[in-house]
C-alpha atoms as a PDB file:
ATOM      1  CA  MET A   1      63.027 -46.360  95.647  1.00  0.00           C
ATOM      2  CA  ALA A   2      64.072 -42.715  95.334  1.00  0.00           C
ATOM      3  CA  LYS A   3      64.327 -40.735  98.551  1.00  0.00           C
ATOM      4  CA  LYS A   4      61.739 -37.952  98.720  1.00  0.00           C
ATOM      5  CA  VAL A   5      63.280 -34.730 100.019  1.00  0.00           C
ATOM      6  CA  GLY A   6      61.398 -31.568 100.862  1.00  0.00           C
ATOM      7  CA  VAL A   7      63.113 -28.325  99.802  1.00  0.00           C
ATOM      8  CA  ILE A   8      61.786 -25.206 101.514  1.00  0.00           C
ATOM      9  CA  LEU A   9      62.444 -22.076  99.469  1.00  0.00           C
ATOM     10  CA  SER A  10      61.960 -18.545 100.784  1.00  0.00           C
ATOM     11  CA  GLY A  11      61.432 -16.574  97.591  1.00  0.00           C
ATOM     12  CA  CYS A  12      63.998 -15.764  94.916  1.00  0.00           C
ATOM     13  CA  GLY A  13      67.039 -13.576  95.439  1.00  0.00           C
ATOM     14  CA  VAL A  14      69.732 -13.342  98.076  1.00  0.00           C
ATOM     15  CA  TYR A  15      68.610 -10.074  99.696  1.00  0.00           C
ATOM     16  CA  ASP A  16      64.901 -10.781 100.067  1.00  0.00           C
ATOM     17  CA  GLY A  17      64.389 -14.462  99.272  1.00  0.00           C
ATOM     18  CA  ALA A  18      66.163 -17.770  98.739  1.00  0.00           C
ATOM     19  CA  GLU A  19      69.828 -17.516  97.702  1.00  0.00           C
ATOM     20  CA  ILE A  20      69.698 -18.645  94.088  1.00  0.00           C
ATOM     21  CA  HIS A  21      73.136 -20.275  93.909  1.00  0.00           C
ATOM     22  CA  GLU A  22      72.526 -22.212  97.129  1.00  0.00           C
ATOM     23  CA  SER A  23      69.071 -23.312  95.999  1.00  0.00           C
ATOM     24  CA  VAL A  24      70.183 -24.474  92.562  1.00  0.00           C
ATOM     25  CA  ILE A  25      73.267 -26.253  93.935  1.00  0.00           C
ATOM     26  CA  THR A  26      71.035 -28.002  96.481  1.00  0.00           C
ATOM     27  CA  MET A  27      68.569 -29.105  93.809  1.00  0.00           C
ATOM     28  CA  LEU A  28      71.324 -30.230  91.441  1.00  0.00           C
ATOM     29  CA  ALA A  29      72.988 -32.277  94.186  1.00  0.00           C
ATOM     30  CA  LEU A  30      69.666 -33.876  95.124  1.00  0.00           C
ATOM     31  CA  ASP A  31      68.921 -34.707  91.493  1.00  0.00           C
ATOM     32  CA  ARG A  32      72.367 -36.227  90.990  1.00  0.00           C
ATOM     33  CA  ALA A  33      71.787 -38.321  94.118  1.00  0.00           C
ATOM     34  CA  GLY A  34      68.603 -39.694  92.568  1.00  0.00           C
ATOM     35  CA  ALA A  35      66.301 -38.007  95.066  1.00  0.00           C
ATOM     36  CA  GLU A  36      62.773 -36.889  94.311  1.00  0.00           C
ATOM     37  CA  MET A  37      62.246 -33.266  95.346  1.00  0.00           C
ATOM     38  CA  VAL A  38      59.144 -31.748  96.886  1.00  0.00           C
ATOM     39  CA  ILE A  39      59.810 -28.035  96.424  1.00  0.00           C
ATOM     40  CA  CYS A  40      57.665 -25.873  98.655  1.00  0.00           C
ATOM     41  CA  ALA A  41      57.353 -22.396 100.123  1.00  0.00           C
ATOM     42  CA  PRO A  42      54.958 -20.527 102.401  1.00  0.00           C
ATOM     43  CA  ASP A  43      52.150 -18.755 100.556  1.00  0.00           C
ATOM     44  CA  VAL A  44      52.799 -15.350 102.156  1.00  0.00           C
ATOM     45  CA  ASN A  45      54.148 -11.976 101.113  1.00  0.00           C
ATOM     46  CA  GLN A  46      57.850 -11.242 101.503  1.00  0.00           C
ATOM     47  CA  MET A  47      58.986  -8.988 104.337  1.00  0.00           C
ATOM     48  CA  HIS A  48      59.959  -6.517 101.618  1.00  0.00           C
ATOM     49  CA  VAL A  49      61.322  -6.363  98.094  1.00  0.00           C
ATOM     50  CA  VAL A  50      64.973  -5.464  97.445  1.00  0.00           C
ATOM     51  CA  ASN A  51      66.298  -4.127  94.153  1.00  0.00           C
ATOM     52  CA  HIS A  52      69.191  -6.539  93.624  1.00  0.00           C
ATOM     53  CA  HIS A  53      70.955  -4.124  91.274  1.00  0.00           C
ATOM     54  CA  THR A  54      71.165  -1.300  93.821  1.00  0.00           C
ATOM     55  CA  GLY A  55      70.732  -3.224  97.068  1.00  0.00           C
ATOM     56  CA  GLU A  56      67.995  -0.801  98.129  1.00  0.00           C
ATOM     57  CA  VAL A  57      64.534  -1.665  99.412  1.00  0.00           C
ATOM     58  CA  ALA A  58      61.935  -1.057  96.698  1.00  0.00           C
ATOM     59  CA  ASP A  59      59.316   0.972  98.531  1.00  0.00           C
ATOM     60  CA  GLY A  60      55.742   0.151  97.651  1.00  0.00           C
ATOM     61  CA  GLU A  61      56.536  -3.176  95.984  1.00  0.00           C
ATOM     62  CA  SER A  62      55.162  -6.489  97.218  1.00  0.00           C
ATOM     63  CA  ARG A  63      55.928 -10.044  96.141  1.00  0.00           C
ATOM     64  CA  ASN A  64      54.637 -13.446  97.210  1.00  0.00           C
ATOM     65  CA  VAL A  65      57.217 -15.900  98.579  1.00  0.00           C
ATOM     66  CA  ARG A  66      55.673 -18.942  96.896  1.00  0.00           C
ATOM     67  CA  VAL A  67      55.248 -17.205  93.543  1.00  0.00           C
ATOM     68  CA  GLU A  68      58.839 -15.976  93.599  1.00  0.00           C
ATOM     69  CA  ALA A  69      60.140 -19.437  94.616  1.00  0.00           C
ATOM     70  CA  ALA A  70      58.564 -20.803  91.438  1.00  0.00           C
ATOM     71  CA  ARG A  71      61.202 -18.850  89.485  1.00  0.00           C
ATOM     72  CA  ILE A  72      63.878 -21.139  90.930  1.00  0.00           C
ATOM     73  CA  ALA A  73      61.749 -24.279  90.683  1.00  0.00           C
ATOM     74  CA  ARG A  74      60.932 -23.489  87.036  1.00  0.00           C
ATOM     75  CA  GLY A  75      57.255 -24.046  87.757  1.00  0.00           C
ATOM     76  CA  PRO A  76      54.654 -24.381  90.503  1.00  0.00           C
ATOM     77  CA  VAL A  77      55.785 -25.134  94.034  1.00  0.00           C
ATOM     78  CA  ALA A  78      53.714 -26.637  96.826  1.00  0.00           C
ATOM     79  CA  ASP A  79      52.336 -24.583  99.679  1.00  0.00           C
ATOM     80  CA  VAL A  80      54.413 -25.673 102.667  1.00  0.00           C
ATOM     81  CA  ALA A  81      51.153 -25.874 104.647  1.00  0.00           C
ATOM     82  CA  ASP A  82      50.022 -28.720 102.380  1.00  0.00           C
ATOM     83  CA  VAL A  83      53.193 -30.811 102.632  1.00  0.00           C
ATOM     84  CA  ASP A  84      52.801 -33.922 104.795  1.00  0.00           C
ATOM     85  CA  ALA A  85      55.920 -34.859 106.749  1.00  0.00           C
ATOM     86  CA  GLY A  86      54.882 -38.485 106.412  1.00  0.00           C
ATOM     87  CA  ASP A  87      55.439 -38.251 102.663  1.00  0.00           C
ATOM     88  CA  LEU A  88      59.035 -37.075 103.065  1.00  0.00           C
ATOM     89  CA  ASP A  89      62.254 -38.907 103.850  1.00  0.00           C
ATOM     90  CA  ALA A  90      64.241 -35.732 104.591  1.00  0.00           C
ATOM     91  CA  LEU A  91      64.062 -31.946 104.511  1.00  0.00           C
ATOM     92  CA  ILE A  92      66.495 -29.190 103.505  1.00  0.00           C
ATOM     93  CA  LEU A  93      66.438 -25.404 103.778  1.00  0.00           C
ATOM     94  CA  PRO A  94      68.721 -23.355 101.498  1.00  0.00           C
ATOM     95  CA  GLY A  95      69.758 -19.943 102.815  1.00  0.00           C
ATOM     96  CA  GLY A  96      69.536 -16.376 101.629  1.00  0.00           C
ATOM     97  CA  PHE A  97      68.041 -13.480 103.592  1.00  0.00           C
ATOM     98  CA  GLY A  98      64.596 -14.885 102.816  1.00  0.00           C
ATOM     99  CA  ALA A  99      65.245 -17.699 105.280  1.00  0.00           C
ATOM    100  CA  ALA A 100      65.717 -15.032 107.966  1.00  0.00           C
ATOM    101  CA  LYS A 101      63.076 -12.601 106.667  1.00  0.00           C
ATOM    102  CA  ASN A 102      60.260 -14.712 105.205  1.00  0.00           C
ATOM    103  CA  LEU A 103      60.530 -18.155 106.817  1.00  0.00           C
ATOM    104  CA  CYS A 104      61.250 -16.413 110.117  1.00  0.00           C
ATOM    105  CA  ASP A 105      62.193 -12.863 111.127  1.00  0.00           C
ATOM    106  CA  PHE A 106      65.632 -13.609 112.580  1.00  0.00           C
ATOM    107  CA  ALA A 107      67.141 -10.875 110.380  1.00  0.00           C
ATOM    108  CA  VAL A 108      65.350  -8.188 112.391  1.00  0.00           C
ATOM    109  CA  ALA A 109      64.427  -9.887 115.675  1.00  0.00           C
ATOM    110  CA  GLY A 110      67.450 -12.101 116.316  1.00  0.00           C
ATOM    111  CA  ALA A 111      66.893 -14.633 119.083  1.00  0.00           C
ATOM    112  CA  ASP A 112      63.403 -13.189 119.652  1.00  0.00           C
ATOM    113  CA  CYS A 113      62.370 -14.179 116.140  1.00  0.00           C
ATOM    114  CA  ARG A 114      59.137 -15.845 115.171  1.00  0.00           C
ATOM    115  CA  VAL A 115      58.957 -18.662 112.635  1.00  0.00           C
ATOM    116  CA  ASN A 116      56.231 -18.997 110.020  1.00  0.00           C
ATOM    117  CA  PRO A 117      53.856 -21.477 111.705  1.00  0.00           C
ATOM    118  CA  ASP A 118      53.535 -23.765 108.681  1.00  0.00           C
ATOM    119  CA  VAL A 119      57.306 -23.935 108.238  1.00  0.00           C
ATOM    120  CA  ALA A 120      57.803 -24.576 111.957  1.00  0.00           C
ATOM    121  CA  SER A 121      55.161 -27.297 111.901  1.00  0.00           C
ATOM    122  CA  LEU A 122      56.779 -29.142 108.996  1.00  0.00           C
ATOM    123  CA  VAL A 123      60.237 -28.921 110.582  1.00  0.00           C
ATOM    124  CA  ARG A 124      58.912 -30.250 113.897  1.00  0.00           C
ATOM    125  CA  GLU A 125      56.978 -33.085 112.273  1.00  0.00           C
ATOM    126  CA  VAL A 126      59.865 -34.238 110.080  1.00  0.00           C
ATOM    127  CA  HIS A 127      62.162 -34.132 113.107  1.00  0.00           C
ATOM    128  CA  ALA A 128      59.655 -35.934 115.344  1.00  0.00           C
ATOM    129  CA  GLN A 129      59.499 -38.744 112.786  1.00  0.00           C
ATOM    130  CA  GLY A 130      63.257 -39.224 113.105  1.00  0.00           C
ATOM    131  CA  LYS A 131      64.035 -37.997 109.605  1.00  0.00           C
ATOM    132  CA  PRO A 132      67.096 -35.868 108.795  1.00  0.00           C
ATOM    133  CA  ILE A 133      66.980 -32.117 108.254  1.00  0.00           C
ATOM    134  CA  ALA A 134      69.680 -30.000 106.623  1.00  0.00           C
ATOM    135  CA  ALA A 135      70.085 -26.223 106.521  1.00  0.00           C
ATOM    136  CA  VAL A 136      72.713 -23.994 104.935  1.00  0.00           C
ATOM    137  CA  CYS A 137      73.894 -20.406 105.258  1.00  0.00           C
ATOM    138  CA  ILE A 138      71.635 -18.525 107.727  1.00  0.00           C
ATOM    139  CA  ALA A 139      68.830 -21.142 107.663  1.00  0.00           C
ATOM    140  CA  PRO A 140      70.268 -22.991 110.718  1.00  0.00           C
ATOM    141  CA  ALA A 141      69.003 -20.016 112.768  1.00  0.00           C
ATOM    142  CA  LEU A 142      65.481 -21.204 112.046  1.00  0.00           C
ATOM    143  CA  LEU A 143      66.339 -24.713 113.242  1.00  0.00           C
ATOM    144  CA  ALA A 144      67.842 -23.246 116.412  1.00  0.00           C
ATOM    145  CA  LYS A 145      64.575 -21.422 117.085  1.00  0.00           C
ATOM    146  CA  VAL A 146      62.331 -24.411 116.378  1.00  0.00           C
ATOM    147  CA  LEU A 147      64.481 -27.189 117.869  1.00  0.00           C
ATOM    148  CA  GLY A 148      66.710 -25.274 120.274  1.00  0.00           C
ATOM    149  CA  THR A 149      65.295 -26.920 123.389  1.00  0.00           C
ATOM    150  CA  GLU A 150      67.002 -30.139 122.247  1.00  0.00           C
ATOM    151  CA  GLY A 151      70.426 -28.478 122.110  1.00  0.00           C
ATOM    152  CA  PRO A 152      71.230 -29.276 118.466  1.00  0.00           C
ATOM    153  CA  GLU A 153      74.773 -28.837 117.137  1.00  0.00           C
ATOM    154  CA  LEU A 154      74.684 -26.339 114.274  1.00  0.00           C
ATOM    155  CA  THR A 155      76.928 -24.054 112.272  1.00  0.00           C
ATOM    156  CA  ILE A 156      76.624 -20.777 110.428  1.00  0.00           C
ATOM    157  CA  GLY A 157      80.387 -20.656 109.959  1.00  0.00           C
ATOM    158  CA  THR A 158      82.387 -18.340 112.212  1.00  0.00           C
ATOM    159  CA  ASP A 159      80.378 -15.155 112.831  1.00  0.00           C
ATOM    160  CA  ALA A 160      80.474 -14.654 116.598  1.00  0.00           C
ATOM    161  CA  ASP A 161      77.338 -12.522 116.930  1.00  0.00           C
ATOM    162  CA  THR A 162      75.142 -14.867 114.919  1.00  0.00           C
ATOM    163  CA  ALA A 163      76.622 -17.887 116.683  1.00  0.00           C
ATOM    164  CA  GLY A 164      75.849 -16.251 120.016  1.00  0.00           C
ATOM    165  CA  ALA A 165      72.223 -15.722 119.011  1.00  0.00           C
ATOM    166  CA  LEU A 166      71.903 -19.400 118.067  1.00  0.00           C
ATOM    167  CA  GLU A 167      73.406 -20.455 121.374  1.00  0.00           C
ATOM    168  CA  SER A 168      70.989 -18.199 123.266  1.00  0.00           C
ATOM    169  CA  LEU A 169      68.231 -20.272 121.671  1.00  0.00           C
ATOM    170  CA  GLY A 170      69.723 -23.469 123.087  1.00  0.00           C
ATOM    171  CA  ALA A 171      71.803 -24.642 120.139  1.00  0.00           C
ATOM    172  CA  THR A 172      75.491 -25.511 120.345  1.00  0.00           C
ATOM    173  CA  HIS A 173      77.375 -23.637 117.654  1.00  0.00           C
ATOM    174  CA  VAL A 174      80.340 -25.363 115.997  1.00  0.00           C
ATOM    175  CA  GLU A 175      82.743 -23.271 113.922  1.00  0.00           C
ATOM    176  CA  CYS A 176      83.072 -24.681 110.427  1.00  0.00           C
ATOM    177  CA  PRO A 177      84.943 -23.727 107.232  1.00  0.00           C
ATOM    178  CA  VAL A 178      82.900 -22.998 104.129  1.00  0.00           C
ATOM    179  CA  THR A 179      83.774 -26.238 102.328  1.00  0.00           C
ATOM    180  CA  GLU A 180      82.731 -28.474 105.224  1.00  0.00           C
ATOM    181  CA  PHE A 181      79.629 -29.220 107.279  1.00  0.00           C
ATOM    182  CA  VAL A 182      78.545 -30.139 110.786  1.00  0.00           C
ATOM    183  CA  VAL A 183      76.518 -33.278 111.537  1.00  0.00           C
ATOM    184  CA  ASP A 184      74.503 -33.774 114.698  1.00  0.00           C
ATOM    185  CA  ARG A 185      73.965 -37.489 114.240  1.00  0.00           C
ATOM    186  CA  GLU A 186      71.887 -37.906 117.376  1.00  0.00           C
ATOM    187  CA  ARG A 187      69.335 -35.381 116.135  1.00  0.00           C
ATOM    188  CA  LYS A 188      69.945 -35.990 112.420  1.00  0.00           C
ATOM    189  CA  ILE A 189      70.730 -32.357 111.598  1.00  0.00           C
ATOM    190  CA  ILE A 190      73.312 -31.315 108.983  1.00  0.00           C
ATOM    191  CA  THR A 191      74.411 -27.706 108.461  1.00  0.00           C
ATOM    192  CA  SER A 192      76.991 -25.861 106.336  1.00  0.00           C
ATOM    193  CA  PRO A 193      78.000 -22.167 106.113  1.00  0.00           C
ATOM    194  CA  ALA A 194      77.698 -21.651 102.338  1.00  0.00           C
ATOM    195  CA  TYR A 195      77.514 -17.902 101.609  1.00  0.00           C
ATOM    196  CA  MET A 196      77.902 -16.992 105.259  1.00  0.00           C
ATOM    197  CA  LEU A 197      81.578 -17.532 104.378  1.00  0.00           C
ATOM    198  CA  ALA A 198      81.848 -18.366 100.678  1.00  0.00           C
ATOM    199  CA  GLN A 199      83.858 -16.072  98.427  1.00  0.00           C
ATOM    200  CA  SER A 200      82.852 -17.948  95.284  1.00  0.00           C
ATOM    201  CA  ILE A 201      80.107 -20.224  94.012  1.00  0.00           C
ATOM    202  CA  SER A 202      82.527 -23.159  93.965  1.00  0.00           C
ATOM    203  CA  GLU A 203      83.284 -22.721  97.677  1.00  0.00           C
ATOM    204  CA  ALA A 204      79.576 -22.649  98.491  1.00  0.00           C
ATOM    205  CA  ALA A 205      78.981 -25.682  96.291  1.00  0.00           C
ATOM    206  CA  GLU A 206      81.553 -27.879  97.995  1.00  0.00           C
ATOM    207  CA  GLY A 207      79.974 -27.587 101.416  1.00  0.00           C
ATOM    208  CA  ILE A 208      76.409 -27.843 100.113  1.00  0.00           C
ATOM    209  CA  GLU A 209      77.157 -30.922  98.006  1.00  0.00           C
ATOM    210  CA  LYS A 210      78.708 -32.664 101.002  1.00  0.00           C
ATOM    211  CA  THR A 211      75.701 -31.693 103.113  1.00  0.00           C
ATOM    212  CA  VAL A 212      73.238 -33.099 100.582  1.00  0.00           C
ATOM    213  CA  ALA A 213      75.229 -36.339 100.319  1.00  0.00           C
ATOM    214  CA  VAL A 214      74.988 -36.897 104.074  1.00  0.00           C
ATOM    215  CA  LEU A 215      71.310 -35.907 104.115  1.00  0.00           C
ATOM    216  CA  VAL A 216      70.421 -38.474 101.464  1.00  0.00           C
ATOM    217  CA  GLU A 217      72.595 -41.094 103.158  1.00  0.00           C
ATOM    218  CA  MET A 218      70.751 -40.565 106.449  1.00  0.00           C
ATOM    219  CA  ALA A 219      67.282 -40.494 104.864  1.00  0.00           C
END
């Protein structure tokens, strides 16, 4: 039977949503592994909208995270509030600033961030059921906030300031090159730096593909 893996997207676009390369690589790797994907996103407005051509915030514009995530999914995505952890075998969170702006506000609040309650609930429930969770790029910050009291081993690569923020939340940060990943087998958490370090799509892909392989293996 195919493993059912939840994929939490945070919009569409590196600066204000889910990182598109990371999301597509994740979905491709899951599909090649024979997994069934449950693509979901919170049904909330983005923190803001960024013009990806100029890099500037588009004042006055508003976009919905779930609606934008459907661009990557090529169709409707589930409301994360409606996803039952009992129906999943594993969960993965691609990165992009949306993971730190829309799924939580780590991008502006750091260690004092708040996590979207529906996202936090799904992460906690999947984890409580002993199922594996993976996160790439900046998304491990969300896991540190939600599961930090358990002292999970995580990576965002090598950035000292971000690593320090994760450790202040109770996580143990492990430095990791872009093409590799970190596995906390006791807590079933897999993380990889992706575009926190990647200089090319192929570098990001190598680490993400390895992460997905371990996630499916542990599911």
